[in-house]
Structures are given as C-alpha cells and as structure tokens.
Amino acid sequence: MTASRSPRHRSRLAAVIVMAVIALVAAIVAVPRPAAALDASVPVYRLYNEADGQHLITKDRNEFNVLCGRGWIDEGLAFSCPQEGQDVYRLYNPSNGDHLYTTAVAERDGLVRRGWQDEGTGFHASAEPTAYDVQRLYNPNMKANGGRGNHLWTPNQAEYDNVVKAGWKGEGHQWYATGPAAPKAHPDPVSQHGALSVRGATLVDKYGNPYQLRGMSTHGLSFTEEGVPFKDYVNKAAFKTLRDDWGANCVRLAMYTAEGGYCEGADQNWLKGLIRQGVNAATDLGMYVIVDWHVLRDQSPTVYEQQAREFFSQMSREFKDRVNVIYEICNEPNGGVDWWTIKGYAERIIPVIRANDPDAIVIVGTPTWSQDVDQAAANRLTGDVARNTMYALHFYANTHTQWLRDRMNAALDAGLPVFISEFGTTDASGNGGYNPWESQQWIDLANRRNVSWMNWSLCLKNESSAAIQPWCKKLSDWQTWELTESGNWVRNAMRAATGK
C-alpha cells in the first residue's frame, strides 16, 4: 500500500512542474522559426469583372465569395503573402469603383488627395526579396472605360510578358510575395482577351486591341474515315494539344447540313449534343469556338433556312453567356447563288441569334465558295445585323493565288471585316497540289492585316489537306512525324505567329 503524499509535498511538485513547462515554452519560443512558418501563410485571391474589365486582389475570403456570387470570375490564387511585413495599401475610387494597390506612401497620399479612399492595408508583402516578384501593368486603352480596370498585378512573368504583347504597359516591380500564384501552364486566350467585337474592318478584343484568331477546323462531324469518326476529334485533349503545342486560340466545329449531315439523315439531337461537347471543351480551355453551319452540296443557304433558324435559335439561347462562341451561318454558298440571296438569308438569320446573344460575332459566307468578298463589300449588310458581323473568305493555296489576295486587300481597304474561316495548303479539291509557298504568302498577308484564319482540317482523311497522317489513330498529343506536310506547315505557322 502506497502512503499518500502530504499537501506540502504536492505543492512543491506542482511548482517544479510549472517551472519546467515555463522553461520548455521559453525554449520553444527562443528557437527562431524558419521563414516558411510565415511565408505562404496568407493566400491572396484574384478576381475579374468581365462587365468593366476590373481586377481585384483580396485576402478576405468573405469578400471573395460575395463578389463571385455577384458574377465576378474567380482567377484563383494570385500569390501568397506573409502575416507581417511591408504594408500593401488598398485604395478605392468612388467615382468609378476601381481599386489600386501600392506599397508607395507617396502614391497612396497623392491618390487620396485626388479623391480616392484609403482602405488601409490590404495585405502584407515580404520585407526581403523573394522569387515571387509581383509586377504591375497599365492598360492605356481602358481610359474609354472611365479608367476602370486600368491595372493588373501578377507574379507570373509569362502572364506579364503576354499582357504586354497584348498592348499593356509594363510598370515593373511593385512588391515581393512569399508564395507562387496558381497560373495556368498556358495562358488562357479568352481570359486574356474576353468578348471580341468588330471595329471597322478588324476584330478587336475586350480592350479594343486588334486580335487575330488562328486555329483548326474539324472535318464534317457526321463523317468517318479510316475507321475513325471525325466526331472523335471533338475532345478536350485534342483542343488542348492545339492550344498548348500548336499555339491555336480557336477551333471550328464543321457541321455539314447536306451529304448525310444535319438536314439530310443525321441524328439532329446527337449532332447538337456534339456541338455542346465541343463548345464546352473549348470553354474549359479558354479557347474561342466557331459553330459552323456547313452549307456545301446544298449550295444555297435558303435550302434549309428553316432548320438553320431553329438550330441557331436553340444554340444561341444555350450559349448566350459564352463570350467565346462565334456563329458561322453559311459556310460556302455556291452553284451560282448570288450575294442578294445570301444577304437576305443573313438579314433573317442574324436577328434570330441576336435575340438571344446581342453581341455575338457572326460570320457570313460569300458567293462562289466564299470567294466573292468584293460583292459583299459593294453591298454590305446594314443596321444592327451589320454590327459584329464578318464576311468569310476561303482559299486553297494552289488554286487561289494573288488574284484572290488582291480581292481581299481591296475589300479590307473598303472597310469590310474579312474572316478566313477556312483555308487549305493544297488545291481546291483538298487533295493534291500542296503549295507551302503560296500558303505562306496568304498567311503573311493575313497576319499583317489582322485577318483571322482557320485551317482545313483536323482529321486523318487520306487527302493532302488533312493535318494528321492516315495511319495515325491518335486523337491528341500528335508528334510532328504523325502529322502530314500540311499539318506540320500549319503547326509551324501558328507557332511562329504566337512566338512559340
């Protein structure tokens, strides 16, 4: 039996224990914490307001959630910051709702004297240099937007360089963060350039800067070749390969109306589902996408006009909030169909789209397989149907040479917005006459004049205009030796245009 301890003994033991705990705590506190204990401890999020072009950065998760609920776009983690360090001041302009962040006391005080509100310290920056250099950019083109959205902050050098290429002014170093952003490995074209519009004879991005779309067209979505249905190329991995390896920012979904297509035997609900699949994949990747009503064997767009009306009404209603969706309402009118007929069709179909999506880009085909842009230039659409409307020119390099380039130049000089929504590096049959020299003359001209271009076609069909070798059954991640001469040439042309 153990004898019980006296109260005095228990008191002395308790004192010893307390002193030991104090000593242990003191020892722990005395050990310097590594920098990582402070670094990357506070996430700072970035949001984007598509309505007015503003970016906002905040460590306040509640503010982040509220703004996302109001329609701001979550751009993810901007960077991480320490719990303590250099003050990053946040200011608010009550006249236009803009925000600005700075570590410079003089800049803060100057803005306050001009009417900005000092909202205090938004977060902290590292007091010591780190690998995460947050730089600031300024967009002079946003003055027309009341000065809103003038600035962008990023620790990502690739994003900084790409935004400078898009016309922003680099303002250099602002502060050091302590943790990285969560950037996309490849810049997202739609996030960078937003809703496109037509200004004069050219396509411009959300900042009003000229912007060129470059990409690939599928072949007919309802066709099969070499045992591979062309629908199989409508997949996110394929589009990602085009974006990340080739430098494409757009894909075209070619849905034939005749030849066993949408209006002649194909399952219409299935094809609409495939269009949705393609639009969703492009949207997820931040790419632009053209929904192509591929008139060809049916010659005149009026042959299946009612079906076109129903199709574009449904698609534009579903995609009305997708700023990346473009509608091509008649691929290649031919067989003697005149511009008056095409123009009348456009005047009836475009309002169907605009009823749901008032600002959508629409591409209208022109006579003679979309070559007669001169006729459209002489008698173009007017009124609201002309707004954000472009006119298709198609060429096949070994057949359509300088004479058609001269025609395009004249149309552009007359103020007609031209879009090369389909071209081939071969002769007009699509199979034979591969001509890289003439192709280069076309692409050089298009690049100089900011004319967008889409190549025919992303498939393995055994013809010289196809991009993929007929024996290659891969649906993405193609190696150069798995591409045809045409496919390699187009890939190189895209990479050159994007500086890859």
Protein backbone atom coordinates (compact mmCIF):
# COMPACT_ATOMS: atom_id res chain seq x y z
CA MET A 1 0.00 0.00 0.00
CA THR A 2 1.44 3.40 -1.06
CA ALA A 3 1.38 6.15 1.57
CA SER A 4 -0.41 9.38 0.48
CA ARG A 5 1.74 12.48 -0.11
CA SER A 6 1.47 15.48 2.16
CA PRO A 7 -0.07 18.77 0.89
CA ARG A 8 3.34 20.45 1.20
CA HIS A 9 4.98 17.78 -0.94
CA ARG A 10 2.25 18.10 -3.60
CA SER A 11 2.70 21.90 -3.66
CA ARG A 12 6.45 21.63 -4.18
CA LEU A 13 5.95 19.11 -7.00
CA ALA A 14 3.41 21.36 -8.72
CA ALA A 15 5.81 24.27 -8.59
CA VAL A 16 8.55 22.18 -10.18
CA ILE A 17 6.21 21.11 -12.97
CA VAL A 18 5.08 24.71 -13.65
CA MET A 19 8.70 25.88 -13.81
CA ALA A 20 9.58 23.05 -16.19
CA VAL A 21 6.66 23.95 -18.51
CA ILE A 22 7.65 27.63 -18.48
CA ALA A 23 11.23 26.70 -19.32
CA LEU A 24 10.07 24.44 -22.15
CA VAL A 25 7.81 27.12 -23.62
CA ALA A 26 10.60 29.68 -23.35
CA ALA A 27 12.94 27.32 -25.14
CA ILE A 28 10.43 26.75 -27.93
CA VAL A 29 9.78 30.47 -28.31
CA ALA A 30 13.50 31.17 -28.25
CA VAL A 31 14.11 28.89 -31.24
CA PRO A 32 13.88 31.06 -34.38
CA ARG A 33 11.04 29.95 -36.64
CA PRO A 34 12.07 29.31 -40.20
CA ALA A 35 10.88 31.83 -42.77
CA ALA A 36 8.48 29.21 -44.13
CA ALA A 37 6.45 29.50 -40.94
CA LEU A 38 5.41 32.96 -42.08
CA ASP A 39 5.80 32.59 -45.82
CA ALA A 40 2.84 31.47 -47.93
CA SER A 41 0.63 31.60 -44.88
CA VAL A 42 -1.96 34.04 -46.23
CA PRO A 43 -3.49 33.36 -49.67
CA VAL A 44 -4.38 36.37 -51.83
CA TYR A 45 -7.04 35.74 -54.48
CA ARG A 46 -7.60 37.47 -57.81
CA LEU A 47 -10.98 38.17 -59.36
CA TYR A 48 -12.03 39.65 -62.69
CA ASN A 49 -15.16 41.63 -63.53
CA GLU A 50 -15.97 40.99 -67.18
CA ALA A 51 -18.50 43.83 -67.26
CA ASP A 52 -15.94 46.58 -66.78
CA GLY A 53 -12.52 44.94 -67.05
CA GLN A 54 -11.51 45.35 -63.41
CA HIS A 55 -9.23 43.03 -61.50
CA LEU A 56 -9.38 42.87 -57.72
CA ILE A 57 -7.00 41.12 -55.34
CA THR A 58 -8.02 40.29 -51.79
CA LYS A 59 -7.07 38.08 -48.85
CA ASP A 60 -10.61 38.38 -47.49
CA ARG A 61 -12.33 35.10 -48.33
CA ASN A 62 -15.74 36.52 -47.47
CA GLU A 63 -15.25 39.39 -49.93
CA PHE A 64 -14.07 36.87 -52.50
CA ASN A 65 -17.21 34.74 -52.05
CA VAL A 66 -19.56 37.73 -52.19
CA LEU A 67 -18.01 39.02 -55.43
CA CYS A 68 -18.10 35.57 -57.04
CA GLY A 69 -21.79 35.48 -56.15
CA ARG A 70 -22.22 38.78 -57.98
CA GLY A 71 -20.73 37.44 -61.19
CA TRP A 72 -17.04 38.19 -60.79
CA ILE A 73 -14.78 35.50 -62.28
CA ASP A 74 -12.53 33.57 -59.90
CA GLU A 75 -8.99 33.74 -61.31
CA GLY A 76 -7.62 31.65 -58.47
CA LEU A 77 -4.69 32.23 -56.16
CA ALA A 78 -2.80 35.39 -57.13
CA PHE A 79 0.05 34.76 -54.70
CA SER A 80 0.69 34.16 -51.00
CA CYS A 81 1.84 36.79 -48.53
CA PRO A 82 3.31 36.84 -45.02
CA GLN A 83 1.26 37.61 -41.95
CA GLU A 84 3.55 40.52 -41.25
CA GLY A 85 5.83 42.66 -43.39
CA GLN A 86 5.65 45.62 -45.73
CA ASP A 87 2.21 47.24 -45.98
CA VAL A 88 0.39 46.97 -49.31
CA TYR A 89 -2.15 49.79 -49.27
CA ARG A 90 -5.54 49.36 -50.90
CA LEU A 91 -7.34 52.37 -52.36
CA TYR A 92 -10.81 52.80 -53.82
CA ASN A 93 -12.02 55.32 -56.38
CA PRO A 94 -15.67 56.14 -55.54
CA SER A 95 -16.19 57.87 -58.90
CA ASN A 96 -15.79 54.68 -60.94
CA GLY A 97 -15.45 51.79 -58.47
CA ASP A 98 -11.82 50.98 -59.34
CA HIS A 99 -9.24 49.67 -56.87
CA LEU A 100 -5.49 50.17 -56.74
CA TYR A 101 -2.77 48.59 -54.59
CA THR A 102 0.59 50.14 -53.78
CA THR A 103 3.40 49.99 -51.24
CA ALA A 104 4.40 53.58 -52.03
CA VAL A 105 3.21 56.03 -49.38
CA ALA A 106 3.64 58.94 -51.79
CA GLU A 107 1.42 57.28 -54.42
CA ARG A 108 -1.17 56.44 -51.77
CA ASP A 109 -1.24 60.02 -50.43
CA GLY A 110 -1.36 61.51 -53.92
CA LEU A 111 -4.39 59.41 -54.84
CA VAL A 112 -6.13 60.29 -51.59
CA ARG A 113 -5.66 64.00 -52.41
CA ARG A 114 -7.33 63.31 -55.76
CA GLY A 115 -10.39 61.80 -54.10
CA TRP A 116 -9.52 58.15 -53.70
CA GLN A 117 -10.43 56.48 -50.42
CA ASP A 118 -7.67 54.88 -48.36
CA GLU A 119 -8.97 51.42 -47.39
CA GLY A 120 -5.93 50.69 -45.25
CA THR A 121 -3.56 47.76 -45.52
CA GLY A 122 -4.95 45.15 -47.87
CA PHE A 123 -2.26 42.61 -47.05
CA HIS A 124 1.48 42.47 -46.48
CA ALA A 125 4.45 41.97 -48.74
CA SER A 126 7.75 40.37 -47.91
CA ALA A 127 10.24 42.78 -46.36
CA GLU A 128 13.02 40.85 -48.11
CA PRO A 129 13.39 39.98 -51.82
CA THR A 130 11.92 36.61 -52.81
CA ALA A 131 11.47 34.64 -56.01
CA TYR A 132 7.90 35.95 -56.31
CA ASP A 133 8.21 39.40 -57.83
CA VAL A 134 4.77 41.00 -58.17
CA GLN A 135 4.73 43.35 -61.16
CA ARG A 136 2.13 45.88 -62.27
CA LEU A 137 0.73 46.57 -65.72
CA TYR A 138 -1.26 49.51 -67.02
CA ASN A 139 -3.74 49.45 -69.90
CA PRO A 140 -4.00 52.84 -71.64
CA ASN A 141 -6.92 51.60 -73.76
CA MET A 142 -9.21 51.45 -70.72
CA LYS A 143 -9.43 55.24 -70.47
CA ALA A 144 -12.56 54.95 -72.59
CA ASN A 145 -14.00 52.77 -69.84
CA GLY A 146 -13.85 55.61 -67.34
CA GLY A 147 -10.47 54.48 -66.06
CA ARG A 148 -11.80 51.24 -64.63
CA GLY A 149 -9.70 48.12 -64.93
CA ASN A 150 -6.55 50.05 -65.79
CA HIS A 151 -4.19 47.90 -63.74
CA LEU A 152 -3.23 44.27 -63.31
CA TRP A 153 -0.85 42.72 -60.75
CA THR A 154 0.91 39.42 -61.33
CA PRO A 155 3.95 37.49 -60.05
CA ASN A 156 3.87 35.39 -63.21
CA GLN A 157 6.46 36.51 -65.76
CA ALA A 158 4.81 34.63 -68.61
CA GLU A 159 1.49 36.35 -67.95
CA TYR A 160 3.26 39.71 -67.64
CA ASP A 161 5.00 39.25 -71.00
CA ASN A 162 1.84 38.10 -72.77
CA VAL A 163 -0.21 41.01 -71.45
CA VAL A 164 2.49 43.43 -72.62
CA LYS A 165 2.25 41.81 -76.07
CA ALA A 166 -1.50 42.47 -75.94
CA GLY A 167 -0.85 46.22 -75.65
CA TRP A 168 -0.50 46.86 -71.92
CA LYS A 169 2.34 48.97 -70.49
CA GLY A 170 4.62 47.14 -68.10
CA GLU A 171 5.21 49.13 -64.90
CA GLY A 172 7.61 46.64 -63.36
CA HIS A 173 8.26 45.59 -59.79
CA GLN A 174 5.81 46.55 -57.03
CA TRP A 175 6.48 44.17 -54.12
CA TYR A 176 7.57 40.65 -53.25
CA ALA A 177 5.14 37.88 -52.38
CA THR A 178 6.19 34.82 -50.42
CA GLY A 179 4.42 32.13 -52.40
CA PRO A 180 3.56 31.50 -56.03
CA ALA A 181 0.41 32.17 -57.94
CA ALA A 182 -1.51 29.26 -59.40
CA PRO A 183 -1.06 30.22 -63.06
CA LYS A 184 -2.30 28.15 -65.95
CA ALA A 185 0.62 26.49 -67.65
CA HIS A 186 -0.50 28.07 -70.91
CA PRO A 187 -2.22 31.46 -70.98
CA ASP A 188 -5.96 31.24 -71.47
CA PRO A 189 -6.92 33.25 -74.60
CA VAL A 190 -10.49 34.01 -73.50
CA SER A 191 -9.49 35.11 -70.00
CA GLN A 192 -6.87 37.39 -71.53
CA HIS A 193 -8.95 38.84 -74.35
CA GLY A 194 -12.60 38.34 -73.36
CA ALA A 195 -15.55 39.17 -75.58
CA LEU A 196 -14.46 40.07 -79.10
CA SER A 197 -16.08 42.67 -81.31
CA VAL A 198 -15.68 44.15 -84.77
CA ARG A 199 -14.27 47.65 -85.16
CA GLY A 200 -14.09 48.86 -88.74
CA ALA A 201 -12.52 46.09 -90.80
CA THR A 202 -10.83 44.29 -87.92
CA LEU A 203 -11.52 42.06 -84.95
CA VAL A 204 -10.64 43.54 -81.55
CA ASP A 205 -10.51 42.16 -78.02
CA LYS A 206 -12.18 43.44 -74.85
CA TYR A 207 -9.51 46.15 -74.54
CA GLY A 208 -10.07 47.41 -78.08
CA ASN A 209 -6.75 45.97 -79.30
CA PRO A 210 -6.63 44.18 -82.68
CA TYR A 211 -6.89 40.44 -82.12
CA GLN A 212 -6.37 37.57 -84.55
CA LEU A 213 -7.93 34.13 -84.22
CA ARG A 214 -5.89 31.19 -85.51
CA GLY A 215 -6.89 27.57 -85.35
CA MET A 216 -8.16 24.38 -86.93
CA SER A 217 -11.47 23.34 -88.39
CA THR A 218 -12.76 19.84 -87.91
CA HIS A 219 -13.90 17.93 -90.96
CA GLY A 220 -17.57 17.00 -91.19
CA LEU A 221 -18.70 15.94 -87.73
CA SER A 222 -21.00 13.24 -89.11
CA PHE A 223 -18.33 11.61 -91.30
CA THR A 224 -15.98 8.66 -90.70
CA GLU A 225 -12.66 7.88 -92.41
CA GLU A 226 -10.02 5.19 -91.86
CA GLY A 227 -12.28 3.71 -89.18
CA VAL A 228 -12.15 6.91 -87.10
CA PRO A 229 -15.32 9.02 -86.81
CA PHE A 230 -14.40 12.69 -87.23
CA LYS A 231 -16.53 13.42 -84.18
CA ASP A 232 -13.78 11.81 -82.09
CA TYR A 233 -11.53 14.82 -82.66
CA VAL A 234 -14.03 16.89 -80.68
CA ASN A 235 -12.35 16.27 -77.36
CA LYS A 236 -10.64 18.38 -74.74
CA ALA A 237 -7.24 16.68 -75.13
CA ALA A 238 -7.18 17.40 -78.88
CA PHE A 239 -8.10 21.05 -78.36
CA LYS A 240 -5.52 21.33 -75.59
CA THR A 241 -2.84 19.98 -77.94
CA LEU A 242 -3.83 22.63 -80.48
CA ARG A 243 -3.69 25.35 -77.84
CA ASP A 244 -0.55 24.35 -75.97
CA ASP A 245 1.63 22.84 -78.69
CA TRP A 246 0.42 24.50 -81.88
CA GLY A 247 -0.50 27.92 -80.47
CA ALA A 248 -4.15 27.84 -81.59
CA ASN A 249 -6.69 30.03 -79.84
CA CYS A 250 -9.78 28.87 -81.73
CA VAL A 251 -11.43 25.72 -83.10
CA ARG A 252 -14.16 25.43 -85.73
CA LEU A 253 -16.88 22.78 -85.50
CA ALA A 254 -17.87 21.98 -89.09
CA MET A 255 -21.38 20.53 -89.12
CA TYR A 256 -22.45 19.64 -92.66
CA THR A 257 -26.06 20.38 -93.46
CA ALA A 258 -26.29 18.07 -96.50
CA GLU A 259 -24.40 14.91 -97.54
CA GLY A 260 -25.77 12.86 -94.67
CA GLY A 261 -25.41 15.83 -92.35
CA TYR A 262 -27.80 17.70 -90.06
CA CYS A 263 -30.57 18.22 -92.61
CA GLU A 264 -30.12 15.02 -94.61
CA GLY A 265 -30.30 11.98 -92.39
CA ALA A 266 -28.08 12.57 -89.37
CA ASP A 267 -29.48 12.48 -85.84
CA GLN A 268 -30.02 16.17 -85.12
CA ASN A 269 -30.16 15.79 -81.36
CA TRP A 270 -26.92 13.82 -81.40
CA LEU A 271 -25.20 16.49 -83.53
CA LYS A 272 -26.40 19.27 -81.24
CA GLY A 273 -25.01 17.29 -78.34
CA LEU A 274 -21.68 17.06 -80.15
CA ILE A 275 -21.70 20.83 -80.71
CA ARG A 276 -22.31 21.31 -76.98
CA GLN A 277 -19.43 18.94 -76.24
CA GLY A 278 -17.11 20.94 -78.48
CA VAL A 279 -18.20 24.29 -77.07
CA ASN A 280 -17.77 23.03 -73.51
CA ALA A 281 -14.28 21.66 -74.23
CA ALA A 282 -13.19 24.92 -75.84
CA THR A 283 -14.71 26.94 -73.00
CA ASP A 284 -12.93 24.86 -70.37
CA LEU A 285 -9.65 25.57 -72.16
CA GLY A 286 -10.34 29.27 -72.61
CA MET A 287 -10.46 28.97 -76.42
CA TYR A 288 -12.77 30.59 -78.94
CA VAL A 289 -15.02 28.28 -80.93
CA ILE A 290 -16.91 28.65 -84.21
CA VAL A 291 -20.22 26.84 -84.68
CA ASP A 292 -20.26 26.29 -88.45
CA TRP A 293 -23.48 25.64 -90.41
CA HIS A 294 -21.58 23.93 -93.22
CA VAL A 295 -23.53 24.64 -96.40
CA LEU A 296 -21.78 22.99 -99.35
CA ARG A 297 -23.55 20.39 -101.52
CA ASP A 298 -26.88 22.14 -100.82
CA GLN A 299 -25.36 25.25 -102.47
CA SER A 300 -27.82 27.88 -101.25
CA PRO A 301 -28.32 28.66 -97.54
CA THR A 302 -32.02 29.13 -98.25
CA VAL A 303 -32.50 25.39 -98.99
CA TYR A 304 -32.55 24.56 -95.28
CA GLU A 305 -33.27 28.01 -93.91
CA GLN A 306 -35.99 26.91 -91.51
CA GLN A 307 -33.70 24.29 -89.99
CA ALA A 308 -30.98 26.94 -89.69
CA ARG A 309 -33.40 29.27 -87.93
CA GLU A 310 -34.35 26.59 -85.40
CA PHE A 311 -30.73 25.47 -84.88
CA PHE A 312 -29.28 28.93 -84.31
CA SER A 313 -32.19 29.93 -82.10
CA GLN A 314 -31.55 26.99 -79.79
CA MET A 315 -27.75 27.19 -79.84
CA SER A 316 -27.59 30.95 -79.26
CA ARG A 317 -30.07 30.61 -76.41
CA GLU A 318 -27.90 27.94 -74.77
CA PHE A 319 -24.60 29.76 -75.40
CA LYS A 320 -25.73 33.35 -74.81
CA ASP A 321 -23.40 33.73 -71.82
CA ARG A 322 -20.38 32.20 -73.59
CA VAL A 323 -18.31 35.11 -74.90
CA ASN A 324 -16.10 32.67 -76.80
CA VAL A 325 -18.78 31.34 -79.17
CA ILE A 326 -18.88 32.58 -82.78
CA TYR A 327 -21.59 31.63 -85.29
CA GLU A 328 -20.87 30.91 -88.97
CA ILE A 329 -24.24 30.84 -90.64
CA CYS A 330 -23.42 29.56 -94.15
CA ASN A 331 -20.05 28.01 -94.97
CA GLU A 332 -19.69 28.13 -98.77
CA PRO A 333 -22.65 29.24 -100.88
CA ASN A 334 -22.02 28.08 -104.45
CA GLY A 335 -23.66 26.91 -107.67
CA GLY A 336 -24.46 30.41 -108.88
CA VAL A 337 -26.11 31.64 -105.69
CA ASP A 338 -25.84 35.44 -105.75
CA TRP A 339 -24.97 37.82 -102.94
CA TRP A 340 -28.50 39.25 -102.81
CA THR A 341 -29.82 35.80 -101.85
CA ILE A 342 -27.12 35.29 -99.21
CA LYS A 343 -27.60 38.79 -97.85
CA GLY A 344 -31.35 38.24 -97.46
CA TYR A 345 -30.71 34.98 -95.64
CA ALA A 346 -28.27 36.74 -93.30
CA GLU A 347 -30.76 39.52 -92.64
CA ARG A 348 -33.25 36.88 -91.48
CA ILE A 349 -30.90 34.56 -89.52
CA ILE A 350 -28.70 37.07 -87.69
CA PRO A 351 -31.66 38.56 -85.75
CA VAL A 352 -32.51 35.04 -84.54
CA ILE A 353 -29.05 34.84 -82.96
CA ARG A 354 -29.06 38.44 -81.71
CA ALA A 355 -32.40 37.90 -79.97
CA ASN A 356 -30.51 35.70 -77.51
CA ASP A 357 -26.93 36.91 -77.81
CA PRO A 358 -26.95 40.58 -78.85
CA ASP A 359 -23.17 40.94 -79.14
CA ALA A 360 -22.22 37.64 -80.76
CA ILE A 361 -19.72 37.59 -83.63
CA VAL A 362 -21.40 36.23 -86.78
CA ILE A 363 -19.59 35.12 -89.95
CA VAL A 364 -21.50 35.25 -93.25
CA GLY A 365 -20.37 33.23 -96.27
CA THR A 366 -19.97 34.91 -99.67
CA PRO A 367 -20.70 33.64 -103.22
CA THR A 368 -18.57 31.16 -105.18
CA TRP A 369 -17.44 29.07 -102.23
CA SER A 370 -16.83 32.18 -100.11
CA GLN A 371 -14.52 33.96 -102.53
CA ASP A 372 -16.62 36.92 -103.69
CA VAL A 373 -15.96 39.29 -100.82
CA ASP A 374 -15.92 42.11 -103.38
CA GLN A 375 -19.67 41.66 -103.85
CA ALA A 376 -20.24 41.90 -100.11
CA ALA A 377 -18.02 45.00 -99.92
CA ALA A 378 -20.11 46.69 -102.60
CA ASN A 379 -23.44 45.83 -100.93
CA ARG A 380 -22.79 45.03 -97.30
CA LEU A 381 -25.25 44.41 -94.51
CA THR A 382 -26.52 47.49 -92.73
CA GLY A 383 -28.11 48.37 -89.40
CA ASP A 384 -27.94 46.11 -86.38
CA VAL A 385 -27.30 42.95 -88.44
CA ALA A 386 -24.04 44.53 -89.61
CA ARG A 387 -22.75 45.04 -86.07
CA ASN A 388 -20.15 42.42 -85.08
CA THR A 389 -20.66 40.69 -88.42
CA MET A 390 -17.75 39.47 -90.55
CA TYR A 391 -17.57 38.08 -94.08
CA ALA A 392 -15.98 34.75 -94.98
CA LEU A 393 -13.19 34.37 -97.50
CA HIS A 394 -11.94 30.84 -98.21
CA PHE A 395 -8.84 29.97 -100.18
CA TYR A 396 -6.93 26.85 -101.20
CA ALA A 397 -3.40 28.00 -101.80
CA ASN A 398 -2.57 26.15 -105.03
CA THR A 399 -5.77 27.34 -106.72
CA HIS A 400 -6.49 30.76 -105.26
CA THR A 401 -3.38 32.88 -105.60
CA GLN A 402 -2.54 36.57 -105.94
CA TRP A 403 -5.76 37.47 -107.71
CA LEU A 404 -7.80 36.47 -104.66
CA ARG A 405 -5.32 38.14 -102.27
CA ASP A 406 -5.80 41.34 -104.27
CA ARG A 407 -9.56 40.94 -103.87
CA MET A 408 -9.22 40.51 -100.11
CA ASN A 409 -6.95 43.54 -99.85
CA ALA A 410 -9.46 45.66 -101.76
CA ALA A 411 -12.31 44.50 -99.54
CA LEU A 412 -10.32 45.29 -96.39
CA ASP A 413 -9.38 48.70 -97.80
CA ALA A 414 -13.07 49.32 -98.36
CA GLY A 415 -13.68 48.61 -94.67
CA LEU A 416 -15.11 45.08 -94.97
CA PRO A 417 -14.26 42.86 -91.96
CA VAL A 418 -12.96 39.65 -93.55
CA PHE A 419 -12.53 36.33 -91.73
CA ILE A 420 -10.69 33.40 -93.37
CA SER A 421 -12.84 30.78 -91.72
CA GLU A 422 -11.39 28.02 -93.92
CA PHE A 423 -8.23 27.58 -95.94
CA GLY A 424 -6.15 24.74 -97.31
CA THR A 425 -2.48 24.48 -98.24
CA THR A 426 -3.47 22.48 -101.34
CA ASP A 427 -5.58 22.92 -104.44
CA ALA A 428 -9.33 23.47 -104.20
CA SER A 429 -10.10 19.74 -104.23
CA GLY A 430 -8.35 19.41 -100.88
CA ASN A 431 -6.32 16.52 -102.26
CA GLY A 432 -3.28 17.45 -104.31
CA GLY A 433 -1.17 20.46 -105.10
CA TYR A 434 0.33 21.05 -101.67
CA ASN A 435 1.84 24.53 -102.02
CA PRO A 436 3.67 25.89 -98.96
CA TRP A 437 5.00 28.94 -100.83
CA GLU A 438 1.55 30.27 -101.78
CA SER A 439 0.27 29.30 -98.33
CA GLN A 440 2.97 31.48 -96.78
CA GLN A 441 2.02 34.46 -98.98
CA TRP A 442 -1.53 34.15 -97.72
CA ILE A 443 -0.65 33.81 -94.05
CA ASP A 444 1.88 36.64 -94.17
CA LEU A 445 -0.81 38.90 -95.63
CA ALA A 446 -3.42 37.76 -93.12
CA ASN A 447 -1.03 38.35 -90.22
CA ARG A 448 -0.10 41.82 -91.48
CA ARG A 449 -3.74 42.82 -91.80
CA ASN A 450 -5.04 41.09 -88.66
CA VAL A 451 -7.27 38.70 -90.58
CA SER A 452 -8.15 35.57 -88.61
CA TRP A 453 -7.59 32.17 -90.20
CA MET A 454 -8.73 28.58 -89.68
CA ASN A 455 -7.12 25.62 -91.44
CA TRP A 456 -8.95 22.69 -93.07
CA SER A 457 -8.83 20.17 -91.48
CA LEU A 458 -8.23 18.34 -88.21
CA CYS A 459 -8.57 14.71 -89.28
CA LEU A 460 -6.73 11.72 -90.72
CA LYS A 461 -8.59 11.63 -94.05
CA ASN A 462 -6.36 10.33 -96.81
CA GLU A 463 -6.07 13.67 -98.60
CA SER A 464 -3.28 16.23 -98.67
CA SER A 465 -5.21 18.95 -96.83
CA ALA A 466 -5.72 16.76 -93.74
CA ALA A 467 -3.43 17.56 -90.82
CA ILE A 468 -2.91 14.03 -89.47
CA GLN A 469 -1.33 11.04 -91.19
CA PRO A 470 -3.97 8.49 -92.31
CA TRP A 471 -2.27 5.72 -90.29
CA CYS A 472 -2.21 7.76 -87.06
CA LYS A 473 -5.22 6.90 -84.92
CA LYS A 474 -4.24 9.18 -82.03
CA LEU A 475 -6.82 11.80 -81.10
CA SER A 476 -4.42 14.21 -79.37
CA ASP A 477 -0.76 14.84 -78.47
CA TRP A 478 0.46 14.30 -82.03
CA GLN A 479 4.19 14.20 -82.69
CA THR A 480 5.46 16.03 -85.76
CA TRP A 481 6.11 12.75 -87.59
CA GLU A 482 2.43 11.87 -87.09
CA LEU A 483 1.37 15.00 -88.98
CA THR A 484 1.16 15.42 -92.75
CA GLU A 485 3.21 18.00 -94.67
CA SER A 486 0.21 20.31 -94.42
CA GLY A 487 -0.28 19.63 -90.71
CA ASN A 488 3.34 20.39 -89.92
CA TRP A 489 3.28 23.55 -92.03
CA VAL A 490 0.14 24.85 -90.28
CA ARG A 491 1.50 23.98 -86.85
CA ASN A 492 4.69 25.90 -87.63
CA ALA A 493 2.71 28.86 -88.96
CA MET A 494 0.67 29.05 -85.75
CA ARG A 495 3.73 28.69 -83.55
CA ALA A 496 5.52 31.42 -85.48
CA ALA A 497 2.53 33.77 -85.13
CA THR A 498 2.44 33.26 -81.37
CA GLY A 499 6.20 33.38 -80.83
CA LYS A 500 6.48 29.71 -79.83
